[in-house]
Amino acid sequence: MKFDEIVTALGAREGHHIADVGAGEGAFSVALARVVGPRGMIYAVDINEEVLKRLRKRVAEGALKNIEVIHGAEDNPKLAEGSLDGALLVDTYH
């Protein structure tokens, strides 16, 4: 995938708060975390607990303090209303 092009198209900038819905193991979450920097936040949401365990490990090992891992539900990503500057949904089944 062309991460840089997708991140650019999303308009992600320093300090933004962005949801990566269907984050999987976090490829986009990590790329976005670099862009939003320490003042921003990436909300990495997925419904698969096994995938989230691997993502949590990746976040911890990389000391990525601007990624919050969220165990969403099929009908609720568990994100606060009005809290985002953008959202990314890739390969997500509804």
PDB file of N, CA and C in Angstrom:
ATOM      1  N   MET A   1       0.827  -1.185   0.000  1.00  0.00           N
ATOM      2  CA  MET A   1       0.000   0.000   0.000  1.00  0.00           C
ATOM      3  C   MET A   1       0.867   1.242   0.000  1.00  0.00           C
ATOM      4  N   LYS A   2       0.292   2.297  -0.452  1.00  0.00           N
ATOM      5  CA  LYS A   2       1.001   3.570  -0.512  1.00  0.00           C
ATOM      6  C   LYS A   2       0.625   4.410   0.711  1.00  0.00           C
ATOM      7  N   PHE A   3       1.249   4.090   1.838  1.00  0.00           N
ATOM      8  CA  PHE A   3       0.912   4.731   3.095  1.00  0.00           C
ATOM      9  C   PHE A   3       1.029   6.249   3.016  1.00  0.00           C
ATOM     10  N   ASP A   4       2.124   6.746   2.467  1.00  0.00           N
ATOM     11  CA  ASP A   4       2.340   8.193   2.419  1.00  0.00           C
ATOM     12  C   ASP A   4       1.235   8.901   1.649  1.00  0.00           C
ATOM     13  N   GLU A   5       0.828   8.338   0.527  1.00  0.00           N
ATOM     14  CA  GLU A   5      -0.224   8.955  -0.285  1.00  0.00           C
ATOM     15  C   GLU A   5      -1.562   8.960   0.457  1.00  0.00           C
ATOM     16  N   ILE A   6      -1.855   7.879   1.144  1.00  0.00           N
ATOM     17  CA  ILE A   6      -3.117   7.787   1.882  1.00  0.00           C
ATOM     18  C   ILE A   6      -3.113   8.754   3.056  1.00  0.00           C
ATOM     19  N   VAL A   7      -2.018   8.822   3.789  1.00  0.00           N
ATOM     20  CA  VAL A   7      -1.901   9.743   4.920  1.00  0.00           C
ATOM     21  C   VAL A   7      -2.035  11.186   4.427  1.00  0.00           C
ATOM     22  N   THR A   8      -1.406  11.500   3.302  1.00  0.00           N
ATOM     23  CA  THR A   8      -1.502  12.845   2.735  1.00  0.00           C
ATOM     24  C   THR A   8      -2.945  13.158   2.317  1.00  0.00           C
ATOM     25  N   ALA A   9      -3.603  12.209   1.660  1.00  0.00           N
ATOM     26  CA  ALA A   9      -4.986  12.409   1.225  1.00  0.00           C
ATOM     27  C   ALA A   9      -5.920  12.617   2.415  1.00  0.00           C
ATOM     28  N   LEU A  10      -5.618  11.997   3.541  1.00  0.00           N
ATOM     29  CA  LEU A  10      -6.422  12.153   4.744  1.00  0.00           C
ATOM     30  C   LEU A  10      -6.282  13.562   5.331  1.00  0.00           C
ATOM     31  N   GLY A  11      -5.178  14.221   5.014  1.00  0.00           N
ATOM     32  CA  GLY A  11      -4.949  15.567   5.540  1.00  0.00           C
ATOM     33  C   GLY A  11      -4.432  15.568   6.963  1.00  0.00           C
ATOM     34  N   ALA A  12      -3.826  14.477   7.382  1.00  0.00           N
ATOM     35  CA  ALA A  12      -3.305  14.365   8.745  1.00  0.00           C
ATOM     36  C   ALA A  12      -2.174  15.369   8.957  1.00  0.00           C
ATOM     37  N   ARG A  13      -2.232  16.040  10.119  1.00  0.00           N
ATOM     38  CA  ARG A  13      -1.210  17.028  10.469  1.00  0.00           C
ATOM     39  C   ARG A  13      -0.863  16.930  11.953  1.00  0.00           C
ATOM     40  N   GLU A  14       0.212  17.581  12.314  1.00  0.00           N
ATOM     41  CA  GLU A  14       0.668  17.663  13.699  1.00  0.00           C
ATOM     42  C   GLU A  14      -0.503  18.071  14.604  1.00  0.00           C
ATOM     43  N   GLY A  15      -0.682  17.318  15.672  1.00  0.00           N
ATOM     44  CA  GLY A  15      -1.699  17.644  16.659  1.00  0.00           C
ATOM     45  C   GLY A  15      -3.084  17.084  16.375  1.00  0.00           C
ATOM     46  N   HIS A  16      -3.299  16.483  15.218  1.00  0.00           N
ATOM     47  CA  HIS A  16      -4.617  15.932  14.891  1.00  0.00           C
ATOM     48  C   HIS A  16      -4.944  14.690  15.723  1.00  0.00           C
ATOM     49  N   HIS A  17      -6.227  14.446  15.864  1.00  0.00           N
ATOM     50  CA  HIS A  17      -6.744  13.241  16.513  1.00  0.00           C
ATOM     51  C   HIS A  17      -7.480  12.469  15.432  1.00  0.00           C
ATOM     52  N   ILE A  18      -6.981  11.261  15.127  1.00  0.00           N
ATOM     53  CA  ILE A  18      -7.487  10.493  13.996  1.00  0.00           C
ATOM     54  C   ILE A  18      -7.786   9.063  14.424  1.00  0.00           C
ATOM     55  N   ALA A  19      -8.916   8.547  13.943  1.00  0.00           N
ATOM     56  CA  ALA A  19      -9.279   7.156  14.204  1.00  0.00           C
ATOM     57  C   ALA A  19      -8.852   6.290  13.028  1.00  0.00           C
ATOM     58  N   ASP A  20      -8.249   5.168  13.335  1.00  0.00           N
ATOM     59  CA  ASP A  20      -7.937   4.127  12.353  1.00  0.00           C
ATOM     60  C   ASP A  20      -8.870   2.971  12.681  1.00  0.00           C
ATOM     61  N   VAL A  21     -10.037   2.968  12.021  1.00  0.00           N
ATOM     62  CA  VAL A  21     -11.074   1.982  12.310  1.00  0.00           C
ATOM     63  C   VAL A  21     -10.814   0.740  11.463  1.00  0.00           C
ATOM     64  N   GLY A  22     -10.709  -0.396  12.143  1.00  0.00           N
ATOM     65  CA  GLY A  22     -10.283  -1.624  11.475  1.00  0.00           C
ATOM     66  C   GLY A  22      -8.766  -1.630  11.397  1.00  0.00           C
ATOM     67  N   ALA A  23      -8.140  -1.201  12.479  1.00  0.00           N
ATOM     68  CA  ALA A  23      -6.693  -0.973  12.515  1.00  0.00           C
ATOM     69  C   ALA A  23      -5.845  -2.216  12.296  1.00  0.00           C
ATOM     70  N   GLY A  24      -6.401  -3.381  12.599  1.00  0.00           N
ATOM     71  CA  GLY A  24      -5.597  -4.595  12.454  1.00  0.00           C
ATOM     72  C   GLY A  24      -4.369  -4.515  13.340  1.00  0.00           C
ATOM     73  N   GLU A  25      -3.220  -4.834  12.774  1.00  0.00           N
ATOM     74  CA  GLU A  25      -1.978  -4.808  13.559  1.00  0.00           C
ATOM     75  C   GLU A  25      -1.294  -3.451  13.527  1.00  0.00           C
ATOM     76  N   GLY A  26      -1.945  -2.443  12.934  1.00  0.00           N
ATOM     77  CA  GLY A  26      -1.510  -1.072  13.120  1.00  0.00           C
ATOM     78  C   GLY A  26      -0.596  -0.446  12.097  1.00  0.00           C
ATOM     79  N   ALA A  27      -0.529  -0.969  10.896  1.00  0.00           N
ATOM     80  CA  ALA A  27       0.367  -0.371   9.891  1.00  0.00           C
ATOM     81  C   ALA A  27       0.045   1.107   9.671  1.00  0.00           C
ATOM     82  N   PHE A  28      -1.232   1.423   9.477  1.00  0.00           N
ATOM     83  CA  PHE A  28      -1.608   2.821   9.284  1.00  0.00           C
ATOM     84  C   PHE A  28      -1.523   3.603  10.584  1.00  0.00           C
ATOM     85  N   SER A  29      -1.872   2.979  11.682  1.00  0.00           N
ATOM     86  CA  SER A  29      -1.806   3.669  12.975  1.00  0.00           C
ATOM     87  C   SER A  29      -0.402   4.178  13.254  1.00  0.00           C
ATOM     88  N   VAL A  30       0.592   3.347  13.018  1.00  0.00           N
ATOM     89  CA  VAL A  30       1.982   3.736  13.258  1.00  0.00           C
ATOM     90  C   VAL A  30       2.396   4.858  12.312  1.00  0.00           C
ATOM     91  N   ALA A  31       2.038   4.748  11.043  1.00  0.00           N
ATOM     92  CA  ALA A  31       2.370   5.803  10.071  1.00  0.00           C
ATOM     93  C   ALA A  31       1.714   7.120  10.460  1.00  0.00           C
ATOM     94  N   LEU A  32       0.448   7.051  10.870  1.00  0.00           N
ATOM     95  CA  LEU A  32      -0.263   8.265  11.267  1.00  0.00           C
ATOM     96  C   LEU A  32       0.300   8.850  12.560  1.00  0.00           C
ATOM     97  N   ALA A  33       0.724   7.998  13.482  1.00  0.00           N
ATOM     98  CA  ALA A  33       1.283   8.479  14.751  1.00  0.00           C
ATOM     99  C   ALA A  33       2.516   9.347  14.512  1.00  0.00           C
ATOM    100  N   ARG A  34       3.310   8.984  13.526  1.00  0.00           N
ATOM    101  CA  ARG A  34       4.497   9.794  13.196  1.00  0.00           C
ATOM    102  C   ARG A  34       4.093  11.175  12.702  1.00  0.00           C
ATOM    103  N   VAL A  35       3.010  11.238  11.944  1.00  0.00           N
ATOM    104  CA  VAL A  35       2.561  12.506  11.365  1.00  0.00           C
ATOM    105  C   VAL A  35       1.932  13.417  12.420  1.00  0.00           C
ATOM    106  N   VAL A  36       1.076  12.875  13.282  1.00  0.00           N
ATOM    107  CA  VAL A  36       0.383  13.722  14.257  1.00  0.00           C
ATOM    108  C   VAL A  36       1.275  14.120  15.423  1.00  0.00           C
ATOM    109  N   GLY A  37       2.365  13.400  15.610  1.00  0.00           N
ATOM    110  CA  GLY A  37       3.339  13.766  16.635  1.00  0.00           C
ATOM    111  C   GLY A  37       2.825  13.619  18.056  1.00  0.00           C
ATOM    112  N   PRO A  38       3.610  14.089  19.016  1.00  0.00           N
ATOM    113  CA  PRO A  38       3.271  13.883  20.426  1.00  0.00           C
ATOM    114  C   PRO A  38       2.046  14.660  20.898  1.00  0.00           C
ATOM    115  N   ARG A  39       1.654  15.702  20.184  1.00  0.00           N
ATOM    116  CA  ARG A  39       0.454  16.461  20.562  1.00  0.00           C
ATOM    117  C   ARG A  39      -0.817  15.873  19.962  1.00  0.00           C
ATOM    118  N   GLY A  40      -0.675  14.938  19.029  1.00  0.00           N
ATOM    119  CA  GLY A  40      -1.825  14.296  18.402  1.00  0.00           C
ATOM    120  C   GLY A  40      -2.110  12.949  19.027  1.00  0.00           C
ATOM    121  N   MET A  41      -3.163  12.296  18.513  1.00  0.00           N
ATOM    122  CA  MET A  41      -3.528  10.985  19.028  1.00  0.00           C
ATOM    123  C   MET A  41      -4.147  10.164  17.906  1.00  0.00           C
ATOM    124  N   ILE A  42      -3.764   8.908  17.869  1.00  0.00           N
ATOM    125  CA  ILE A  42      -4.356   7.949  16.946  1.00  0.00           C
ATOM    126  C   ILE A  42      -5.159   6.961  17.774  1.00  0.00           C
ATOM    127  N   TYR A  43      -6.414   6.786  17.400  1.00  0.00           N
ATOM    128  CA  TYR A  43      -7.289   5.823  18.056  1.00  0.00           C
ATOM    129  C   TYR A  43      -7.373   4.611  17.142  1.00  0.00           C
ATOM    130  N   ALA A  44      -6.677   3.563  17.499  1.00  0.00           N
ATOM    131  CA  ALA A  44      -6.608   2.339  16.696  1.00  0.00           C
ATOM    132  C   ALA A  44      -7.708   1.396  17.165  1.00  0.00           C
ATOM    133  N   VAL A  45      -8.755   1.291  16.349  1.00  0.00           N
ATOM    134  CA  VAL A  45      -9.950   0.539  16.729  1.00  0.00           C
ATOM    135  C   VAL A  45     -10.046  -0.745  15.917  1.00  0.00           C
ATOM    136  N   ASP A  46     -10.348  -1.836  16.603  1.00  0.00           N
ATOM    137  CA  ASP A  46     -10.623  -3.094  15.911  1.00  0.00           C
ATOM    138  C   ASP A  46     -11.551  -3.912  16.790  1.00  0.00           C
ATOM    139  N   ILE A  47     -12.227  -4.894  16.190  1.00  0.00           N
ATOM    140  CA  ILE A  47     -13.133  -5.747  16.958  1.00  0.00           C
ATOM    141  C   ILE A  47     -12.506  -7.090  17.297  1.00  0.00           C
ATOM    142  N   ASN A  48     -11.347  -7.380  16.731  1.00  0.00           N
ATOM    143  CA  ASN A  48     -10.687  -8.669  16.914  1.00  0.00           C
ATOM    144  C   ASN A  48      -9.672  -8.572  18.054  1.00  0.00           C
ATOM    145  N   GLU A  49      -9.989  -9.195  19.176  1.00  0.00           N
ATOM    146  CA  GLU A  49      -9.119  -9.103  20.354  1.00  0.00           C
ATOM    147  C   GLU A  49      -7.735  -9.698  20.118  1.00  0.00           C
ATOM    148  N   GLU A  50      -7.633 -10.774  19.353  1.00  0.00           N
ATOM    149  CA  GLU A  50      -6.316 -11.374  19.073  1.00  0.00           C
ATOM    150  C   GLU A  50      -5.418 -10.396  18.305  1.00  0.00           C
ATOM    151  N   VAL A  51      -5.983  -9.721  17.337  1.00  0.00           N
ATOM    152  CA  VAL A  51      -5.227  -8.719  16.575  1.00  0.00           C
ATOM    153  C   VAL A  51      -4.840  -7.561  17.487  1.00  0.00           C
ATOM    154  N   LEU A  52      -5.755  -7.158  18.350  1.00  0.00           N
ATOM    155  CA  LEU A  52      -5.472  -6.047  19.257  1.00  0.00           C
ATOM    156  C   LEU A  52      -4.356  -6.383  20.244  1.00  0.00           C
ATOM    157  N   LYS A  53      -4.253  -7.635  20.656  1.00  0.00           N
ATOM    158  CA  LYS A  53      -3.143  -8.035  21.536  1.00  0.00           C
ATOM    159  C   LYS A  53      -1.806  -7.781  20.847  1.00  0.00           C
ATOM    160  N   ARG A  54      -1.724  -8.149  19.569  1.00  0.00           N
ATOM    161  CA  ARG A  54      -0.478  -7.914  18.820  1.00  0.00           C
ATOM    162  C   ARG A  54      -0.228  -6.423  18.623  1.00  0.00           C
ATOM    163  N   LEU A  55      -1.288  -5.674  18.389  1.00  0.00           N
ATOM    164  CA  LEU A  55      -1.148  -4.231  18.234  1.00  0.00           C
ATOM    165  C   LEU A  55      -0.693  -3.583  19.539  1.00  0.00           C
ATOM    166  N   ARG A  56      -1.274  -3.998  20.649  1.00  0.00           N
ATOM    167  CA  ARG A  56      -0.845  -3.445  21.950  1.00  0.00           C
ATOM    168  C   ARG A  56       0.638  -3.717  22.198  1.00  0.00           C
ATOM    169  N   LYS A  57       1.084  -4.911  21.839  1.00  0.00           N
ATOM    170  CA  LYS A  57       2.502  -5.253  21.992  1.00  0.00           C
ATOM    171  C   LYS A  57       3.364  -4.353  21.107  1.00  0.00           C
ATOM    172  N   ARG A  58       2.935  -4.151  19.878  1.00  0.00           N
ATOM    173  CA  ARG A  58       3.680  -3.285  18.951  1.00  0.00           C
ATOM    174  C   ARG A  58       3.757  -1.852  19.479  1.00  0.00           C
ATOM    175  N   VAL A  59       2.658  -1.354  20.001  1.00  0.00           N
ATOM    176  CA  VAL A  59       2.615   0.006  20.554  1.00  0.00           C
ATOM    177  C   VAL A  59       3.554   0.109  21.758  1.00  0.00           C
ATOM    178  N   ALA A  60       3.514  -0.881  22.638  1.00  0.00           N
ATOM    179  CA  ALA A  60       4.368  -0.870  23.829  1.00  0.00           C
ATOM    180  C   ALA A  60       5.843  -0.962  23.454  1.00  0.00           C
ATOM    181  N   GLU A  61       6.176  -1.867  22.561  1.00  0.00           N
ATOM    182  CA  GLU A  61       7.582  -2.042  22.159  1.00  0.00           C
ATOM    183  C   GLU A  61       8.122  -0.809  21.452  1.00  0.00           C
ATOM    184  N   GLY A  62       7.270  -0.111  20.729  1.00  0.00           N
ATOM    185  CA  GLY A  62       7.696   1.096  20.020  1.00  0.00           C
ATOM    186  C   GLY A  62       7.561   2.355  20.845  1.00  0.00           C
ATOM    187  N   ALA A  63       7.100   2.205  22.091  1.00  0.00           N
ATOM    188  CA  ALA A  63       6.869   3.347  22.984  1.00  0.00           C
ATOM    189  C   ALA A  63       6.060   4.431  22.282  1.00  0.00           C
ATOM    190  N   LEU A  64       5.005   3.995  21.598  1.00  0.00           N
ATOM    191  CA  LEU A  64       4.150   4.910  20.832  1.00  0.00           C
ATOM    192  C   LEU A  64       3.041   5.435  21.751  1.00  0.00           C
ATOM    193  N   LYS A  65       3.334   6.501  22.455  1.00  0.00           N
ATOM    194  CA  LYS A  65       2.427   7.036  23.454  1.00  0.00           C
ATOM    195  C   LYS A  65       1.226   7.767  22.847  1.00  0.00           C
ATOM    196  N   ASN A  66       1.264   8.012  21.544  1.00  0.00           N
ATOM    197  CA  ASN A  66       0.154   8.714  20.907  1.00  0.00           C
ATOM    198  C   ASN A  66      -0.749   7.773  20.101  1.00  0.00           C
ATOM    199  N   ILE A  67      -0.754   6.496  20.484  1.00  0.00           N
ATOM    200  CA  ILE A  67      -1.701   5.537  19.925  1.00  0.00           C
ATOM    201  C   ILE A  67      -2.480   4.919  21.077  1.00  0.00           C
ATOM    202  N   GLU A  68      -3.805   5.071  21.021  1.00  0.00           N
ATOM    203  CA  GLU A  68      -4.682   4.425  21.993  1.00  0.00           C
ATOM    204  C   GLU A  68      -5.387   3.278  21.284  1.00  0.00           C
ATOM    205  N   VAL A  69      -5.237   2.082  21.809  1.00  0.00           N
ATOM    206  CA  VAL A  69      -5.848   0.890  21.222  1.00  0.00           C
ATOM    207  C   VAL A  69      -7.233   0.701  21.845  1.00  0.00           C
ATOM    208  N   ILE A  70      -8.243   0.560  20.979  1.00  0.00           N
ATOM    209  CA  ILE A  70      -9.628   0.464  21.442  1.00  0.00           C
ATOM    210  C   ILE A  70     -10.276  -0.804  20.891  1.00  0.00           C
ATOM    211  N   HIS A  71     -10.872  -1.581  21.790  1.00  0.00           N
ATOM    212  CA  HIS A  71     -11.624  -2.764  21.376  1.00  0.00           C
ATOM    213  C   HIS A  71     -13.052  -2.316  21.078  1.00  0.00           C
ATOM    214  N   GLY A  72     -13.309  -2.074  19.806  1.00  0.00           N
ATOM    215  CA  GLY A  72     -14.628  -1.636  19.384  1.00  0.00           C
ATOM    216  C   GLY A  72     -15.587  -2.804  19.266  1.00  0.00           C
ATOM    217  N   ALA A  73     -16.832  -2.474  18.996  1.00  0.00           N
ATOM    218  CA  ALA A  73     -17.863  -3.482  18.763  1.00  0.00           C
ATOM    219  C   ALA A  73     -18.285  -3.389  17.303  1.00  0.00           C
ATOM    220  N   GLU A  74     -18.964  -4.399  16.821  1.00  0.00           N
ATOM    221  CA  GLU A  74     -19.398  -4.405  15.423  1.00  0.00           C
ATOM    222  C   GLU A  74     -20.285  -3.213  15.097  1.00  0.00           C
ATOM    223  N   ASP A  75     -21.024  -2.724  16.072  1.00  0.00           N
ATOM    224  CA  ASP A  75     -21.934  -1.609  15.832  1.00  0.00           C
ATOM    225  C   ASP A  75     -21.520  -0.325  16.540  1.00  0.00           C
ATOM    226  N   ASN A  76     -20.307  -0.302  17.110  1.00  0.00           N
ATOM    227  CA  ASN A  76     -19.876   0.874  17.854  1.00  0.00           C
ATOM    228  C   ASN A  76     -18.347   0.904  17.950  1.00  0.00           C
ATOM    229  N   PRO A  77     -17.698   1.895  17.313  1.00  0.00           N
ATOM    230  CA  PRO A  77     -16.239   1.971  17.407  1.00  0.00           C
ATOM    231  C   PRO A  77     -15.748   2.507  18.751  1.00  0.00           C
ATOM    232  N   LYS A  78     -16.683   2.932  19.602  1.00  0.00           N
ATOM    233  CA  LYS A  78     -16.367   3.434  20.948  1.00  0.00           C
ATOM    234  C   LYS A  78     -15.457   4.654  20.903  1.00  0.00           C
ATOM    235  N   LEU A  79     -15.836   5.595  20.054  1.00  0.00           N
ATOM    236  CA  LEU A  79     -15.126   6.861  19.924  1.00  0.00           C
ATOM    237  C   LEU A  79     -16.051   7.992  20.369  1.00  0.00           C
ATOM    238  N   ALA A  80     -15.507   8.942  21.074  1.00  0.00           N
ATOM    239  CA  ALA A  80     -16.308  10.061  21.567  1.00  0.00           C
ATOM    240  C   ALA A  80     -16.760  10.950  20.410  1.00  0.00           C
ATOM    241  N   GLU A  81     -18.022  11.329  20.438  1.00  0.00           N
ATOM    242  CA  GLU A  81     -18.581  12.199  19.399  1.00  0.00           C
ATOM    243  C   GLU A  81     -17.840  13.536  19.376  1.00  0.00           C
ATOM    244  N   GLY A  82     -17.500  13.989  18.180  1.00  0.00           N
ATOM    245  CA  GLY A  82     -16.849  15.278  18.008  1.00  0.00           C
ATOM    246  C   GLY A  82     -15.387  15.321  18.415  1.00  0.00           C
ATOM    247  N   SER A  83     -14.764  14.157  18.600  1.00  0.00           N
ATOM    248  CA  SER A  83     -13.386  14.134  19.115  1.00  0.00           C
ATOM    249  C   SER A  83     -12.319  13.973  18.036  1.00  0.00           C
ATOM    250  N   LEU A  84     -12.722  13.850  16.776  1.00  0.00           N
ATOM    251  CA  LEU A  84     -11.767  13.502  15.724  1.00  0.00           C
ATOM    252  C   LEU A  84     -11.588  14.609  14.693  1.00  0.00           C
ATOM    253  N   ASP A  85     -10.379  14.657  14.158  1.00  0.00           N
ATOM    254  CA  ASP A  85     -10.094  15.505  13.000  1.00  0.00           C
ATOM    255  C   ASP A  85     -10.213  14.711  11.711  1.00  0.00           C
ATOM    256  N   GLY A  86     -10.211  13.389  11.823  1.00  0.00           N
ATOM    257  CA  GLY A  86     -10.325  12.540  10.644  1.00  0.00           C
ATOM    258  C   GLY A  86     -10.450  11.087  11.041  1.00  0.00           C
ATOM    259  N   ALA A  87     -10.864  10.276  10.073  1.00  0.00           N
ATOM    260  CA  ALA A  87     -10.986   8.838  10.311  1.00  0.00           C
ATOM    261  C   ALA A  87     -10.580   8.101   9.056  1.00  0.00           C
ATOM    262  N   LEU A  88      -9.928   6.980   9.251  1.00  0.00           N
ATOM    263  CA  LEU A  88      -9.475   6.122   8.160  1.00  0.00           C
ATOM    264  C   LEU A  88     -10.086   4.744   8.332  1.00  0.00           C
ATOM    265  N   LEU A  89     -10.725   4.249   7.280  1.00  0.00           N
ATOM    266  CA  LEU A  89     -11.302   2.905   7.282  1.00  0.00           C
ATOM    267  C   LEU A  89     -10.772   2.198   6.058  1.00  0.00           C
ATOM    268  N   VAL A  90      -9.949   1.180   6.272  1.00  0.00           N
ATOM    269  CA  VAL A  90      -9.347   0.416   5.168  1.00  0.00           C
ATOM    270  C   VAL A  90      -9.658  -1.056   5.383  1.00  0.00           C
ATOM    271  N   ASP A  91     -10.147  -1.715   4.345  1.00  0.00           N
ATOM    272  CA  ASP A  91     -10.466  -3.146   4.411  1.00  0.00           C
ATOM    273  C   ASP A  91     -11.344  -3.469   5.617  1.00  0.00           C
ATOM    274  N   THR A  92     -12.352  -2.649   5.818  1.00  0.00           N
ATOM    275  CA  THR A  92     -13.261  -2.826   6.948  1.00  0.00           C
ATOM    276  C   THR A  92     -14.609  -3.275   6.415  1.00  0.00           C
ATOM    277  N   TYR A  93     -15.117  -4.362   6.935  1.00  0.00           N
ATOM    278  CA  TYR A  93     -16.394  -4.914   6.510  1.00  0.00           C
ATOM    279  C   TYR A  93     -17.497  -4.394   7.414  1.00  0.00           C
ATOM    280  N   HIS A  94     -18.584  -3.933   6.821  1.00  0.00           N
ATOM    281  CA  HIS A  94     -19.710  -3.401   7.609  1.00  0.00           C
ATOM    282  C   HIS A  94     -20.877  -4.341   7.538  1.00  0.00           C
TER     283      HIS A  94
END
